[in-house]
């Protein structure tokens, strides 16, 4: 009699757990990783379940590493989810320009691995699948505006013969003539005339 309540409790617990376990079993136990491309040096990786190809969402732990044809290596970098694109992951770091062989690995919720080759051009500042912003190309300095043209300095020119003659004529007009009597000359003339008049008057009076 005591075993019947225990069996009923186990049955109810199994019935509650079974619906949640069925979807997990349908996904399978392997994650498929596909290197789908790159945007502005950030590699895009699509993670799906191996059995039903549903996107892998929720908690995810994955990394990316890459090797260039010239021997450069980067990573491992952490894969982060791209907002609004379920099952798509990228990195916050940017691959430099070059030809790269990329490998991605997943540790949780299930193991997975993927590889691909990409050609990456110079990155653009602010152009990121994580933000959606665009900016200017790195390594290309902003154009420097050309300086405004300045007027050439004025160079004095040598006076010509005509200019010299004109200046001479102007100076002659402005300078008083030496033949023009000034105030002293007129005073002397007046004094002489007055003397003559006095002498003539005195002579006339004597004759009277």
N, C-alpha and C. Protein backbone atom coordinates (compact mmCIF):
# COMPACT_ATOMS: atom_id res chain seq x y z
N UNK A 1 0.83 -1.20 0.00
CA UNK A 1 0.00 0.00 0.00
C UNK A 1 0.87 1.26 0.00
N UNK A 2 2.05 1.16 0.65
CA UNK A 2 2.91 2.34 0.71
C UNK A 2 3.61 2.61 -0.62
N UNK A 3 3.76 1.55 -1.43
CA UNK A 3 4.48 1.76 -2.70
C UNK A 3 3.62 2.46 -3.73
N UNK A 4 2.30 2.38 -3.63
CA UNK A 4 1.45 3.00 -4.65
C UNK A 4 1.61 4.51 -4.68
N UNK A 5 1.60 5.25 -3.55
CA UNK A 5 1.83 6.71 -3.64
C UNK A 5 3.18 7.06 -4.23
N UNK A 6 4.21 6.22 -3.94
CA UNK A 6 5.54 6.49 -4.50
C UNK A 6 5.54 6.33 -6.00
N UNK A 7 4.89 5.31 -6.51
CA UNK A 7 4.82 5.10 -7.95
C UNK A 7 4.07 6.23 -8.63
N UNK A 8 2.98 6.66 -8.01
CA UNK A 8 2.19 7.77 -8.59
C UNK A 8 3.03 9.04 -8.65
N UNK A 9 3.78 9.31 -7.58
CA UNK A 9 4.63 10.51 -7.57
C UNK A 9 5.70 10.46 -8.65
N UNK A 10 6.32 9.29 -8.85
CA UNK A 10 7.34 9.16 -9.90
C UNK A 10 6.73 9.33 -11.28
N UNK A 11 5.52 8.81 -11.46
CA UNK A 11 4.85 8.94 -12.75
C UNK A 11 4.54 10.39 -13.06
N UNK A 12 4.06 11.13 -12.07
CA UNK A 12 3.76 12.55 -12.28
C UNK A 12 5.04 13.34 -12.58
N UNK A 13 6.13 13.03 -11.86
CA UNK A 13 7.39 13.73 -12.12
C UNK A 13 7.90 13.44 -13.51
N UNK A 14 7.79 12.18 -13.95
CA UNK A 14 8.23 11.83 -15.30
C UNK A 14 7.40 12.52 -16.36
N UNK A 15 6.09 12.63 -16.11
CA UNK A 15 5.21 13.30 -17.07
C UNK A 15 5.54 14.78 -17.17
N UNK A 16 5.99 15.38 -16.07
CA UNK A 16 6.34 16.80 -16.12
C UNK A 16 7.66 17.04 -16.83
N UNK A 17 8.61 16.12 -16.67
CA UNK A 17 9.93 16.29 -17.29
C UNK A 17 9.94 15.89 -18.74
N UNK A 18 9.12 14.95 -19.16
CA UNK A 18 9.15 14.40 -20.52
C UNK A 18 8.91 15.45 -21.59
N UNK A 19 7.90 16.37 -21.47
CA UNK A 19 7.72 17.36 -22.54
C UNK A 19 8.93 18.27 -22.74
N UNK A 20 9.64 18.58 -21.65
CA UNK A 20 10.83 19.43 -21.81
C UNK A 20 11.99 18.67 -22.39
N UNK A 21 12.05 17.36 -22.17
CA UNK A 21 13.18 16.58 -22.67
C UNK A 21 13.04 16.23 -24.13
N UNK A 22 11.81 16.15 -24.62
CA UNK A 22 11.58 15.75 -26.02
C UNK A 22 12.19 16.73 -27.00
N UNK A 23 11.98 18.09 -26.86
CA UNK A 23 12.61 19.02 -27.80
C UNK A 23 14.12 18.94 -27.78
N UNK A 24 14.72 18.77 -26.59
CA UNK A 24 16.18 18.67 -26.52
C UNK A 24 16.66 17.45 -27.25
N UNK A 25 15.96 16.33 -27.09
CA UNK A 25 16.35 15.11 -27.80
C UNK A 25 16.17 15.27 -29.29
N UNK A 26 15.19 16.05 -29.72
CA UNK A 26 14.95 16.25 -31.15
C UNK A 26 16.08 17.04 -31.79
N UNK A 27 16.69 17.96 -31.05
CA UNK A 27 17.79 18.76 -31.59
C UNK A 27 19.02 17.90 -31.86
N UNK A 28 19.24 16.87 -31.08
CA UNK A 28 20.46 16.09 -31.19
C UNK A 28 21.50 16.56 -30.19
N UNK A 29 22.66 16.00 -30.26
CA UNK A 29 23.70 16.35 -29.30
C UNK A 29 24.93 16.97 -29.95
N UNK A 30 24.78 17.49 -31.17
CA UNK A 30 25.91 18.12 -31.88
C UNK A 30 25.44 19.44 -32.50
N UNK A 31 26.29 20.45 -32.43
CA UNK A 31 26.02 21.75 -33.03
C UNK A 31 26.80 21.87 -34.33
N UNK A 32 26.11 22.30 -35.38
CA UNK A 32 26.77 22.54 -36.68
C UNK A 32 27.11 24.02 -36.79
N UNK A 33 28.38 24.32 -37.06
CA UNK A 33 28.85 25.70 -37.20
C UNK A 33 29.26 25.96 -38.64
N UNK A 34 28.73 27.02 -39.19
CA UNK A 34 29.01 27.38 -40.58
C UNK A 34 29.59 28.80 -40.61
N UNK A 35 30.79 28.96 -41.18
CA UNK A 35 31.39 30.28 -41.37
C UNK A 35 30.71 30.91 -42.59
N UNK A 36 29.78 31.82 -42.34
CA UNK A 36 28.92 32.31 -43.41
C UNK A 36 29.48 33.53 -44.14
N UNK A 37 30.45 34.20 -43.59
CA UNK A 37 31.01 35.39 -44.25
C UNK A 37 31.58 36.34 -43.22
N UNK A 38 31.82 37.58 -43.66
CA UNK A 38 32.36 38.59 -42.76
C UNK A 38 31.79 39.94 -43.14
N UNK A 39 31.73 40.79 -42.15
CA UNK A 39 31.27 42.15 -42.37
C UNK A 39 32.21 43.08 -41.62
N UNK A 40 32.92 43.88 -42.38
CA UNK A 40 33.82 44.85 -41.78
C UNK A 40 34.87 44.18 -40.90
N UNK A 41 35.34 42.99 -41.31
CA UNK A 41 36.36 42.29 -40.56
C UNK A 41 35.84 41.41 -39.45
N UNK A 42 34.54 41.43 -39.19
CA UNK A 42 33.96 40.58 -38.16
C UNK A 42 33.30 39.37 -38.84
N UNK A 43 33.78 38.19 -38.50
CA UNK A 43 33.32 36.96 -39.14
C UNK A 43 31.95 36.59 -38.57
N UNK A 44 31.03 36.17 -39.47
CA UNK A 44 29.71 35.71 -39.06
C UNK A 44 29.69 34.19 -39.06
N UNK A 45 29.16 33.63 -37.98
CA UNK A 45 29.04 32.18 -37.83
C UNK A 45 27.60 31.83 -37.52
N UNK A 46 27.05 30.88 -38.26
CA UNK A 46 25.68 30.42 -38.01
C UNK A 46 25.74 29.08 -37.29
N UNK A 47 25.09 29.04 -36.14
CA UNK A 47 25.07 27.81 -35.32
C UNK A 47 23.68 27.19 -35.37
N UNK A 48 23.60 25.93 -35.83
CA UNK A 48 22.34 25.19 -35.89
C UNK A 48 22.55 23.81 -35.28
N UNK A 49 21.42 23.21 -34.87
CA UNK A 49 21.49 21.84 -34.35
C UNK A 49 21.65 20.86 -35.50
N UNK A 50 22.47 19.87 -35.31
CA UNK A 50 22.82 18.94 -36.37
C UNK A 50 21.61 18.17 -36.89
N UNK A 51 20.68 17.79 -36.00
CA UNK A 51 19.58 16.92 -36.42
C UNK A 51 18.45 17.68 -37.09
N UNK A 52 17.95 18.76 -36.46
CA UNK A 52 16.77 19.45 -37.02
C UNK A 52 17.10 20.81 -37.62
N UNK A 53 18.35 21.23 -37.59
CA UNK A 53 18.81 22.50 -38.19
C UNK A 53 18.13 23.73 -37.59
N UNK A 54 17.59 23.60 -36.39
CA UNK A 54 17.07 24.77 -35.70
C UNK A 54 18.24 25.64 -35.24
N UNK A 55 18.05 26.96 -35.20
CA UNK A 55 19.15 27.83 -34.72
C UNK A 55 19.44 27.59 -33.25
N UNK A 56 20.70 27.66 -32.91
CA UNK A 56 21.11 27.50 -31.52
C UNK A 56 20.99 28.85 -30.84
N UNK A 57 20.06 28.95 -29.91
CA UNK A 57 19.83 30.21 -29.18
C UNK A 57 20.03 29.96 -27.69
N UNK A 58 19.87 31.02 -26.93
CA UNK A 58 20.05 30.88 -25.50
C UNK A 58 21.52 30.97 -25.13
N UNK A 59 21.87 30.25 -24.07
CA UNK A 59 23.26 30.29 -23.63
C UNK A 59 24.15 29.58 -24.64
N UNK A 60 25.23 30.26 -25.03
CA UNK A 60 26.12 29.73 -26.07
C UNK A 60 27.55 30.10 -25.71
N UNK A 61 28.43 29.13 -25.84
CA UNK A 61 29.86 29.36 -25.59
C UNK A 61 30.65 28.86 -26.79
N UNK A 62 31.27 29.80 -27.52
CA UNK A 62 32.04 29.44 -28.70
C UNK A 62 33.20 30.40 -28.91
N UNK A 63 34.17 29.98 -29.70
CA UNK A 63 35.35 30.80 -29.96
C UNK A 63 35.71 30.75 -31.44
N UNK A 64 36.50 31.73 -31.85
CA UNK A 64 36.97 31.82 -33.24
C UNK A 64 38.48 32.06 -33.22
N UNK A 65 39.18 31.39 -34.13
CA UNK A 65 40.61 31.60 -34.35
C UNK A 65 40.85 31.65 -35.86
N UNK A 66 41.90 32.35 -36.28
CA UNK A 66 42.16 32.49 -37.71
C UNK A 66 43.65 32.59 -37.97
N UNK A 67 44.05 32.12 -39.17
CA UNK A 67 45.44 32.18 -39.61
C UNK A 67 45.47 32.76 -41.02
N UNK A 68 46.31 33.79 -41.24
CA UNK A 68 46.43 34.41 -42.55
C UNK A 68 47.46 33.68 -43.39
N UNK A 69 47.40 33.91 -44.70
CA UNK A 69 48.35 33.27 -45.60
C UNK A 69 49.78 33.74 -45.38
N UNK A 70 49.93 34.93 -44.78
CA UNK A 70 51.29 35.44 -44.51
C UNK A 70 51.80 35.02 -43.14
N UNK A 71 51.06 34.13 -42.45
CA UNK A 71 51.53 33.61 -41.19
C UNK A 71 50.96 34.27 -39.96
N UNK A 72 50.20 35.34 -40.09
CA UNK A 72 49.61 36.00 -38.94
C UNK A 72 48.53 35.11 -38.32
N UNK A 73 48.40 35.14 -37.01
CA UNK A 73 47.37 34.38 -36.32
C UNK A 73 46.65 35.29 -35.32
N UNK A 74 45.37 35.03 -35.11
CA UNK A 74 44.57 35.76 -34.14
C UNK A 74 43.70 34.76 -33.39
N UNK A 75 43.22 35.20 -32.22
CA UNK A 75 42.31 34.37 -31.45
C UNK A 75 43.04 33.48 -30.45
N UNK A 76 42.26 32.67 -29.74
CA UNK A 76 40.80 32.54 -29.91
C UNK A 76 40.03 33.73 -29.35
N UNK A 77 39.01 34.16 -30.14
CA UNK A 77 38.12 35.23 -29.74
C UNK A 77 36.76 34.66 -29.40
N UNK A 78 36.10 35.27 -28.44
CA UNK A 78 34.79 34.80 -28.02
C UNK A 78 33.73 35.16 -29.04
N UNK A 79 32.83 34.21 -29.33
CA UNK A 79 31.70 34.46 -30.22
C UNK A 79 30.54 35.02 -29.39
N UNK A 80 29.93 36.11 -29.92
CA UNK A 80 28.79 36.74 -29.25
C UNK A 80 27.61 36.78 -30.22
N UNK A 81 26.41 36.75 -29.66
CA UNK A 81 25.20 36.72 -30.49
C UNK A 81 24.99 38.04 -31.20
N UNK A 82 24.49 37.97 -32.46
CA UNK A 82 24.15 39.16 -33.23
C UNK A 82 22.69 39.50 -32.93
N UNK A 83 22.38 40.69 -32.44
CA UNK A 83 21.00 41.04 -32.11
C UNK A 83 20.07 40.94 -33.32
N UNK A 84 18.92 40.33 -33.10
CA UNK A 84 17.91 40.23 -34.16
C UNK A 84 18.15 39.13 -35.17
N UNK A 85 19.22 38.34 -35.01
CA UNK A 85 19.52 37.25 -35.94
C UNK A 85 19.77 35.97 -35.14
N UNK A 86 18.70 35.22 -34.81
CA UNK A 86 18.86 34.02 -33.99
C UNK A 86 19.81 33.02 -34.62
N UNK A 87 20.72 32.49 -33.81
CA UNK A 87 21.67 31.49 -34.28
C UNK A 87 22.89 32.07 -34.97
N UNK A 88 22.99 33.40 -35.10
CA UNK A 88 24.13 34.03 -35.76
C UNK A 88 25.04 34.65 -34.70
N UNK A 89 26.34 34.36 -34.84
CA UNK A 89 27.31 34.83 -33.86
C UNK A 89 28.48 35.49 -34.59
N UNK A 90 29.14 36.42 -33.89
CA UNK A 90 30.30 37.12 -34.45
C UNK A 90 31.26 37.44 -33.31
N UNK A 91 32.28 38.24 -33.61
CA UNK A 91 33.25 38.63 -32.58
C UNK A 91 33.26 40.15 -32.44
N UNK A 92 33.67 40.60 -31.28
CA UNK A 92 33.83 42.04 -31.09
C UNK A 92 35.15 42.52 -31.70
N UNK A 93 36.09 41.62 -31.88
CA UNK A 93 37.37 41.96 -32.50
C UNK A 93 37.23 41.94 -34.02
N UNK A 94 38.16 42.63 -34.69
CA UNK A 94 38.12 42.78 -36.15
C UNK A 94 39.35 42.12 -36.76
N UNK A 95 39.12 41.32 -37.80
CA UNK A 95 40.24 40.73 -38.54
C UNK A 95 40.91 41.81 -39.39
N UNK A 96 42.24 41.89 -39.37
CA UNK A 96 42.92 42.81 -40.29
C UNK A 96 42.73 42.36 -41.74
N UNK A 97 43.07 43.27 -42.66
CA UNK A 97 42.95 42.95 -44.07
C UNK A 97 43.87 41.78 -44.43
N UNK A 98 43.39 40.90 -45.32
CA UNK A 98 44.18 39.75 -45.75
C UNK A 98 43.29 38.56 -46.08
N UNK A 99 43.94 37.47 -46.48
CA UNK A 99 43.22 36.21 -46.74
C UNK A 99 43.39 35.32 -45.51
N UNK A 100 42.26 34.88 -44.92
CA UNK A 100 42.28 34.19 -43.64
C UNK A 100 41.59 32.82 -43.74
N UNK A 101 42.16 31.86 -43.03
CA UNK A 101 41.50 30.58 -42.82
C UNK A 101 40.96 30.60 -41.39
N UNK A 102 39.63 30.50 -41.27
CA UNK A 102 38.95 30.70 -40.00
C UNK A 102 38.43 29.36 -39.49
N UNK A 103 38.58 29.15 -38.18
CA UNK A 103 38.00 27.97 -37.53
C UNK A 103 37.18 28.43 -36.33
N UNK A 104 35.98 27.86 -36.16
CA UNK A 104 35.10 28.19 -35.06
C UNK A 104 34.78 26.91 -34.29
N UNK A 105 34.66 27.06 -32.97
CA UNK A 105 34.38 25.90 -32.12
C UNK A 105 33.32 26.28 -31.09
N UNK A 106 32.50 25.31 -30.75
CA UNK A 106 31.45 25.48 -29.75
C UNK A 106 31.66 24.47 -28.63
N UNK A 107 31.54 24.94 -27.38
CA UNK A 107 31.68 24.06 -26.22
C UNK A 107 30.35 23.84 -25.51
N UNK A 108 29.42 24.79 -25.64
CA UNK A 108 28.12 24.68 -24.98
C UNK A 108 27.08 25.38 -25.85
N UNK A 109 25.89 24.83 -26.03
CA UNK A 109 25.27 23.73 -25.27
C UNK A 109 25.70 22.33 -25.70
N UNK A 110 26.37 22.23 -26.86
CA UNK A 110 26.91 20.94 -27.32
C UNK A 110 28.14 21.23 -28.13
N UNK A 111 29.01 20.26 -28.30
CA UNK A 111 30.24 20.52 -29.07
C UNK A 111 29.94 20.72 -30.55
N UNK A 112 30.77 21.52 -31.19
CA UNK A 112 30.63 21.76 -32.62
C UNK A 112 31.89 22.38 -33.17
N UNK A 113 32.09 22.26 -34.48
CA UNK A 113 33.30 22.79 -35.13
C UNK A 113 32.97 23.15 -36.57
N UNK A 114 33.62 24.20 -37.06
CA UNK A 114 33.44 24.62 -38.45
C UNK A 114 34.65 25.38 -38.93
N UNK A 115 34.88 25.41 -40.27
CA UNK A 115 36.02 26.11 -40.85
C UNK A 115 35.59 26.80 -42.14
N UNK A 116 36.37 27.79 -42.55
CA UNK A 116 36.10 28.49 -43.80
C UNK A 116 37.24 29.45 -44.12
N UNK A 117 37.30 29.92 -45.38
CA UNK A 117 38.32 30.88 -45.81
C UNK A 117 37.64 32.16 -46.26
N UNK A 118 38.27 33.29 -45.91
CA UNK A 118 37.68 34.59 -46.19
C UNK A 118 38.74 35.57 -46.65
N UNK A 119 38.35 36.49 -47.52
CA UNK A 119 39.16 37.64 -47.88
C UNK A 119 38.60 38.85 -47.16
N UNK A 120 39.44 39.53 -46.40
CA UNK A 120 39.00 40.66 -45.59
C UNK A 120 39.68 41.92 -46.09
N UNK A 121 38.89 42.96 -46.31
CA UNK A 121 39.43 44.26 -46.70
C UNK A 121 39.58 45.13 -45.46
N UNK A 122 40.14 46.31 -45.66
CA UNK A 122 40.35 47.23 -44.53
C UNK A 122 39.02 47.51 -43.86
N UNK A 123 39.02 47.49 -42.54
CA UNK A 123 37.79 47.67 -41.77
C UNK A 123 37.31 49.11 -41.84
N UNK A 124 36.03 49.31 -41.56
CA UNK A 124 35.40 50.62 -41.52
C UNK A 124 35.00 50.91 -40.08
N UNK A 125 35.44 52.04 -39.55
CA UNK A 125 35.18 52.37 -38.15
C UNK A 125 33.67 52.53 -37.94
N UNK A 126 33.18 51.85 -36.91
CA UNK A 126 31.77 51.98 -36.53
C UNK A 126 30.84 51.08 -37.30
N UNK A 127 31.30 50.42 -38.39
CA UNK A 127 30.43 49.54 -39.16
C UNK A 127 30.50 48.16 -38.55
N UNK A 128 29.52 47.81 -37.73
CA UNK A 128 29.56 46.57 -36.97
C UNK A 128 28.20 45.90 -36.97
N UNK A 129 28.13 44.57 -37.14
CA UNK A 129 26.85 43.89 -37.04
C UNK A 129 26.26 43.96 -35.64
N UNK A 130 27.10 44.34 -34.66
CA UNK A 130 26.60 44.46 -33.29
C UNK A 130 25.93 45.80 -33.06
N UNK A 131 26.26 46.82 -33.90
CA UNK A 131 25.69 48.15 -33.70
C UNK A 131 24.94 48.66 -34.90
N UNK A 132 25.32 48.20 -36.12
CA UNK A 132 24.66 48.64 -37.33
C UNK A 132 25.10 50.01 -37.80
N UNK A 133 26.13 50.58 -37.18
CA UNK A 133 26.59 51.91 -37.57
C UNK A 133 27.66 51.79 -38.64
N UNK A 134 27.85 52.85 -39.39
CA UNK A 134 28.88 52.89 -40.41
C UNK A 134 29.77 54.08 -40.15
N UNK A 135 30.97 54.02 -40.69
CA UNK A 135 31.93 55.10 -40.47
C UNK A 135 32.93 55.17 -41.59
N UNK A 136 34.06 55.81 -41.33
CA UNK A 136 35.08 56.00 -42.35
C UNK A 136 36.06 54.85 -42.35
N UNK A 137 36.69 54.58 -43.50
CA UNK A 137 37.64 53.49 -43.62
C UNK A 137 38.89 53.78 -42.80
N UNK A 138 39.36 52.77 -42.06
CA UNK A 138 40.57 52.94 -41.26
C UNK A 138 41.77 53.06 -42.17
N UNK A 139 42.76 53.80 -41.69
CA UNK A 139 43.99 53.97 -42.44
C UNK A 139 43.90 55.03 -43.51
N UNK A 140 42.74 55.59 -43.77
CA UNK A 140 42.58 56.63 -44.77
C UNK A 140 42.34 57.94 -44.05
N UNK A 141 43.34 58.81 -43.89
CA UNK A 141 43.16 60.05 -43.15
C UNK A 141 42.17 60.96 -43.83
N UNK A 142 41.47 61.74 -43.03
CA UNK A 142 40.50 62.67 -43.57
C UNK A 142 41.21 63.68 -44.45
N UNK A 143 40.60 64.08 -45.58
CA UNK A 143 41.25 65.04 -46.47
C UNK A 143 41.47 66.37 -45.78
N UNK A 144 42.65 66.94 -45.97
CA UNK A 144 42.99 68.23 -45.38
C UNK A 144 42.58 69.32 -46.36
N UNK A 145 41.75 70.27 -45.92
CA UNK A 145 41.31 71.32 -46.85
C UNK A 145 42.48 72.16 -47.32
N UNK A 146 42.44 72.51 -48.59
CA UNK A 146 43.51 73.33 -49.16
C UNK A 146 43.44 74.74 -48.58
N UNK A 147 44.59 75.35 -48.31
CA UNK A 147 44.57 76.71 -47.75
C UNK A 147 43.99 77.69 -48.74
N UNK A 148 43.31 78.70 -48.21
CA UNK A 148 42.70 79.71 -49.07
C UNK A 148 43.80 80.49 -49.78
N UNK A 149 43.59 80.79 -51.07
CA UNK A 149 44.63 81.54 -51.81
C UNK A 149 44.82 82.93 -51.22
N UNK A 150 46.05 83.35 -51.12
CA UNK A 150 46.38 84.69 -50.60
C UNK A 150 46.89 85.55 -51.73
N UNK A 151 46.58 86.84 -51.60
CA UNK A 151 47.02 87.77 -52.64
C UNK A 151 48.54 87.94 -52.59
N UNK A 152 49.21 87.95 -53.74
CA UNK A 152 50.68 88.13 -53.73
C UNK A 152 51.05 89.50 -53.18
N UNK A 153 52.17 89.60 -52.50
CA UNK A 153 52.59 90.90 -51.94
C UNK A 153 52.82 91.92 -53.05
N UNK A 154 52.46 93.17 -52.73
CA UNK A 154 52.61 94.25 -53.70
C UNK A 154 54.06 94.69 -53.76
N UNK A 155 54.62 94.65 -54.94
CA UNK A 155 56.02 95.04 -55.15
C UNK A 155 56.04 96.42 -55.76
N UNK A 156 56.69 97.40 -55.10
CA UNK A 156 56.72 98.75 -55.68
C UNK A 156 57.49 98.76 -57.00
N UNK A 157 56.94 99.47 -57.95
CA UNK A 157 57.57 99.55 -59.27
C UNK A 157 58.38 100.84 -59.38
N UNK A 158 59.43 100.79 -60.20
CA UNK A 158 60.28 101.97 -60.38
C UNK A 158 59.50 103.06 -61.12
N UNK A 159 59.63 104.31 -60.70
CA UNK A 159 58.91 105.40 -61.39
C UNK A 159 59.42 105.57 -62.81
N UNK A 160 58.50 105.83 -63.69
CA UNK A 160 58.86 106.06 -65.09
C UNK A 160 59.21 107.53 -65.30
N UNK A 161 59.74 107.83 -66.50
CA UNK A 161 60.09 109.22 -66.82
C UNK A 161 58.87 110.11 -66.79
N UNK A 162 57.73 109.60 -67.27
CA UNK A 162 56.50 110.40 -67.30
C UNK A 162 56.06 110.72 -65.88
N UNK A 163 56.18 109.70 -64.96
CA UNK A 163 55.80 109.96 -63.56
C UNK A 163 56.69 111.02 -62.94
N UNK A 164 58.00 110.96 -63.23
CA UNK A 164 58.92 111.96 -62.68
C UNK A 164 58.59 113.36 -63.18
N UNK A 165 58.28 113.48 -64.48
CA UNK A 165 57.94 114.78 -65.04
C UNK A 165 56.66 115.33 -64.42
N UNK A 166 55.68 114.42 -64.20
CA UNK A 166 54.41 114.86 -63.62
C UNK A 166 54.62 115.34 -62.19
N UNK A 167 55.45 114.60 -61.43
CA UNK A 167 55.72 115.04 -60.06
C UNK A 167 56.43 116.39 -60.05
N UNK A 168 57.35 116.60 -61.01
CA UNK A 168 58.08 117.87 -61.07
C UNK A 168 57.13 119.02 -61.37
N UNK A 169 56.20 118.83 -62.30
CA UNK A 169 55.24 119.89 -62.63
C UNK A 169 54.37 120.20 -61.44
N UNK A 170 53.95 119.14 -60.72
CA UNK A 170 53.10 119.37 -59.55
C UNK A 170 53.85 120.14 -58.48
N UNK A 171 55.13 119.80 -58.30
CA UNK A 171 55.92 120.52 -57.30
C UNK A 171 56.12 121.96 -57.69
N UNK A 172 56.28 122.22 -59.01
CA UNK A 172 56.46 123.60 -59.47
C UNK A 172 55.21 124.42 -59.20
N UNK A 173 54.01 123.80 -59.38
CA UNK A 173 52.77 124.54 -59.14
C UNK A 173 52.60 124.84 -57.66
N UNK A 174 53.00 123.92 -56.82
CA UNK A 174 52.77 124.07 -55.38
C UNK A 174 53.80 124.98 -54.72
N UNK A 175 55.01 125.13 -55.33
CA UNK A 175 56.07 125.94 -54.73
C UNK A 175 55.93 127.40 -55.16
N UNK A 176 55.91 128.39 -54.26
CA UNK A 176 55.78 129.82 -54.64
C UNK A 176 56.97 130.25 -55.49
N UNK A 177 56.71 131.07 -56.51
CA UNK A 177 57.77 131.56 -57.41
C UNK A 177 58.66 132.55 -56.69
N UNK A 178 59.96 132.49 -57.04
CA UNK A 178 60.91 133.41 -56.43
C UNK A 178 60.65 134.84 -56.85
N UNK A 179 59.99 135.04 -58.04
CA UNK A 179 59.74 136.39 -58.54
C UNK A 179 58.54 137.04 -57.91
N UNK A 180 57.75 136.24 -57.18
CA UNK A 180 56.55 136.81 -56.56
C UNK A 180 56.96 137.57 -55.33
N UNK A 181 56.62 138.86 -55.24
CA UNK A 181 57.02 139.64 -54.07
C UNK A 181 56.31 139.15 -52.84
N UNK A 182 57.06 139.03 -51.77
CA UNK A 182 56.45 138.61 -50.53
C UNK A 182 56.11 139.84 -49.70
N UNK A 183 55.74 139.67 -48.46
CA UNK A 183 55.30 140.79 -47.61
C UNK A 183 56.42 141.80 -47.36
N UNK A 184 57.67 141.28 -47.21
CA UNK A 184 58.78 142.21 -46.94
C UNK A 184 59.04 143.13 -48.11
N UNK A 185 58.94 142.56 -49.32
CA UNK A 185 59.18 143.37 -50.53
C UNK A 185 58.15 144.48 -50.63
N UNK A 186 56.86 144.13 -50.42
CA UNK A 186 55.79 145.14 -50.50
C UNK A 186 55.98 146.21 -49.40
N UNK A 187 56.46 145.81 -48.27
CA UNK A 187 56.68 146.80 -47.21
C UNK A 187 57.78 147.80 -47.62
N UNK A 188 58.85 147.28 -48.25
CA UNK A 188 59.93 148.17 -48.69
C UNK A 188 59.44 149.15 -49.75
N UNK A 189 58.65 148.62 -50.68
CA UNK A 189 58.11 149.49 -51.74
C UNK A 189 57.24 150.57 -51.12
N UNK A 190 56.39 150.18 -50.16
CA UNK A 190 55.50 151.18 -49.52
C UNK A 190 56.29 152.25 -48.80
N UNK A 191 57.36 151.82 -48.14
CA UNK A 191 58.19 152.80 -47.42
C UNK A 191 58.83 153.78 -48.38
N UNK A 192 59.33 153.24 -49.54
CA UNK A 192 59.96 154.14 -50.52
C UNK A 192 58.97 155.14 -51.08
N UNK A 193 57.76 154.67 -51.38
CA UNK A 193 56.74 155.56 -51.94
C UNK A 193 56.38 156.64 -50.94
N UNK A 194 56.25 156.23 -49.67
CA UNK A 194 55.91 157.22 -48.65
C UNK A 194 57.00 158.27 -48.53
N UNK A 195 58.27 157.81 -48.64
CA UNK A 195 59.38 158.77 -48.54
C UNK A 195 59.35 159.75 -49.69
N UNK A 196 59.07 159.25 -50.90
CA UNK A 196 59.00 160.12 -52.07
C UNK A 196 57.90 161.15 -51.89
N UNK A 197 56.76 160.69 -51.37
CA UNK A 197 55.63 161.62 -51.18
C UNK A 197 55.98 162.68 -50.17
N UNK A 198 56.64 162.31 -49.09
CA UNK A 198 57.02 163.29 -48.08
C UNK A 198 58.00 164.32 -48.63
N UNK A 199 59.00 163.84 -49.41
CA UNK A 199 59.98 164.75 -49.99
C UNK A 199 59.31 165.73 -50.94
N UNK A 200 58.41 165.17 -51.78
CA UNK A 200 57.71 166.04 -52.75
C UNK A 200 56.85 167.05 -52.03
N UNK A 201 56.23 166.64 -50.95
CA UNK A 201 55.35 167.57 -50.21
C UNK A 201 56.20 168.67 -49.56
N UNK A 202 57.33 168.27 -49.01
CA UNK A 202 58.18 169.28 -48.38
C UNK A 202 58.73 170.27 -49.40
N UNK A 203 59.12 169.76 -50.57
CA UNK A 203 59.61 170.66 -51.62
C UNK A 203 58.54 171.61 -52.05
N UNK A 204 57.30 171.14 -52.15
CA UNK A 204 56.19 172.00 -52.61
C UNK A 204 55.90 173.04 -51.58
N UNK A 205 55.99 172.73 -50.32
CA UNK A 205 55.70 173.68 -49.27
C UNK A 205 56.77 174.75 -49.22
N UNK A 206 58.02 174.44 -49.49
CA UNK A 206 59.07 175.41 -49.48
C UNK A 206 58.89 176.42 -50.61
N UNK A 207 58.45 175.97 -51.72
CA UNK A 207 58.23 176.87 -52.83
C UNK A 207 57.08 177.80 -52.56
N UNK A 208 56.12 177.32 -51.77
CA UNK A 208 55.01 178.19 -51.43
C UNK A 208 55.50 179.29 -50.53
